Protein backbone atom coordinates (compact mmCIF):
# COMPACT_ATOMS: atom_id res chain seq x y z
CA MET A 1 66.88 -141.05 170.07
CA ASP A 2 64.94 -137.81 170.48
CA VAL A 3 62.29 -136.65 168.00
CA LYS A 4 60.51 -133.31 167.83
CA PHE A 5 57.42 -132.66 165.66
CA LEU A 6 56.86 -129.05 164.61
CA SER A 7 53.87 -127.55 162.86
CA GLU A 8 55.00 -123.99 162.33
CA SER A 9 53.79 -120.83 160.70
CA PRO A 10 55.65 -117.53 160.45
CA ASP A 11 56.18 -115.82 163.82
CA ASP A 12 54.97 -112.48 162.44
CA SER A 13 51.50 -113.87 161.53
CA ASN A 14 48.47 -112.15 163.05
CA ALA A 15 46.07 -114.85 161.83
CA ARG A 16 46.26 -118.47 160.73
CA ALA A 17 48.85 -118.43 157.96
CA THR A 18 48.72 -120.39 154.74
CA ASP A 19 52.52 -120.74 154.93
CA LEU A 20 52.56 -123.84 157.15
CA GLY A 21 55.69 -125.92 157.62
CA ILE A 22 55.68 -129.51 158.92
CA ILE A 23 59.07 -130.50 160.34
CA LEU A 24 60.62 -133.44 162.18
CA GLU A 25 63.86 -132.95 164.11
CA ILE A 26 65.59 -136.23 165.00
CA LYS A 27 68.67 -136.55 167.20
CA GLY A 28 70.52 -139.69 168.20
CA LYS A 29 73.75 -141.64 168.47
CA ILE A 30 75.77 -143.00 165.58
CA LEU A 31 76.32 -146.67 166.30
CA ALA A 32 79.38 -148.54 165.12
CA ALA A 33 78.90 -152.03 163.75
CA ALA A 34 80.26 -154.54 166.27
CA ASN A 35 80.35 -158.32 166.49
CA GLY A 36 78.94 -158.81 163.00
CA ASP A 37 76.00 -156.43 163.56
CA ALA A 38 74.73 -154.40 160.64
CA GLU A 39 75.85 -150.81 160.34
CA ASP A 40 73.26 -148.23 161.44
CA ASP A 41 71.52 -146.17 158.73
CA THR A 42 73.12 -142.79 159.49
CA ARG A 43 75.48 -143.17 156.52
CA LYS A 44 72.45 -143.51 154.22
CA VAL A 45 70.90 -140.41 155.78
CA ALA A 46 74.15 -138.48 155.28
CA GLN A 47 74.13 -139.52 151.61
CA TRP A 48 70.47 -138.43 151.28
CA SER A 49 71.42 -135.00 152.63
CA LEU A 50 73.76 -134.56 149.63
CA VAL A 51 71.17 -135.30 146.92
CA PRO A 52 70.60 -132.15 144.80
CA ALA A 53 67.16 -130.53 144.76
CA GLU A 54 66.72 -131.27 141.04
CA SER A 55 66.74 -135.03 141.72
CA SER A 56 63.45 -136.79 142.49
CA ASP A 57 65.43 -138.84 145.04
CA ALA A 58 65.76 -135.69 147.19
CA TYR A 59 62.18 -136.31 148.36
CA ARG A 60 61.35 -139.40 150.41
CA THR A 61 58.45 -140.92 152.33
CA VAL A 62 58.93 -140.98 156.10
CA SER A 63 56.88 -142.64 158.83
CA LEU A 64 57.34 -142.01 162.55
CA GLU A 65 55.72 -144.34 165.09
CA VAL A 66 55.69 -143.65 168.83
CA ILE A 67 54.64 -146.77 170.73
CA SER A 68 54.30 -147.00 174.52
CA ALA A 69 52.91 -149.93 176.53
CA GLY A 70 51.51 -151.53 173.37
CA GLN A 71 49.65 -148.37 172.36
CA MET A 72 50.27 -146.33 169.21
CA VAL A 73 50.67 -142.91 170.83
CA ARG A 74 51.37 -141.18 167.52
CA LYS A 75 51.91 -142.23 163.92
CA ILE A 76 53.00 -139.51 161.50
CA ASP A 77 53.26 -140.25 157.78
CA MET A 78 54.94 -137.69 155.55
CA THR A 79 54.99 -138.28 151.79
CA ASN A 80 57.38 -135.71 150.27
CA VAL A 81 60.11 -134.98 152.79
CA PHE A 82 63.47 -133.36 152.11
CA VAL A 83 66.55 -132.80 154.27
CA VAL A 84 66.85 -129.26 155.62
CA ASP A 85 69.91 -129.92 157.82
CA TYR A 86 72.01 -132.96 158.68
CA ILE A 87 74.81 -132.74 161.23
CA GLU A 88 77.21 -135.36 162.57
CA GLU A 89 79.42 -134.62 165.57
CA TYR A 90 82.32 -136.73 166.80
CA GLY A 91 84.39 -136.59 169.94
CA ASN A 92 86.36 -138.88 172.20
CA GLN A 93 83.97 -138.16 175.11
CA ALA A 94 80.64 -139.30 173.62
CA GLY A 95 81.49 -142.61 171.95
CA THR A 96 81.20 -142.96 168.19
CA GLY A 97 79.26 -139.75 167.59
CA THR A 98 75.86 -138.11 167.38
CA PHE A 99 73.64 -136.98 164.55
CA SER A 100 70.95 -134.36 164.10
CA LEU A 101 68.49 -134.50 161.20
CA LYS A 102 65.93 -131.86 160.30
CA ILE A 103 63.44 -132.86 157.60
CA LYS A 104 60.49 -130.96 156.19
CA GLN A 105 57.42 -131.83 154.15
CA LYS A 106 57.33 -130.20 150.71
CA LYS A 107 55.20 -127.05 151.02
CA GLU A 108 52.55 -127.93 148.42
CA LYS A 109 52.19 -131.45 149.92
CA VAL A 110 51.45 -130.43 153.54
CA LYS A 111 47.83 -131.64 153.20
CA GLU A 112 49.17 -135.18 152.62
CA VAL A 113 50.68 -135.43 156.12
CA ALA A 114 48.69 -137.99 158.14
CA ILE A 115 48.66 -137.97 161.95
CA GLU A 116 47.11 -140.88 163.84
CA GLY A 117 47.28 -142.37 167.32
CA GLY A 118 45.35 -143.63 170.31
CA TYR A 119 44.97 -147.28 169.30
CA GLN A 120 46.52 -150.69 169.94
CA ALA A 121 49.86 -151.10 168.21
CA THR A 122 50.30 -154.18 166.05
CA GLU A 123 53.46 -156.27 166.04
CA GLU A 124 55.43 -156.29 162.78
CA VAL A 125 56.92 -159.61 161.80
């Protein structure tokens, strides 16, 4: 899985813009359930991408944790995220398929995004 964090303002800005966008782009493989394993969650993400803007369910809470060698490199918590783009691609060359998800924090909730890191990661049970 590949994840990209973007904190972006308009390219035509000549000073720090108030129009800040916080985006996560996530790409990975769609995994088929095999040998009694549970299905991966890409179907749920695809369904989320279809929720209309008028529904409160269009906005979700998302947490990204990047852990390396027992250290929390980055933890990003986003409270009001919506799907900008969701793409699934299939082919007989790449296995089951791949997905690409672009999610964005609701504009008026950008101040609620929390970014942490640089500490010992704890094991979840």
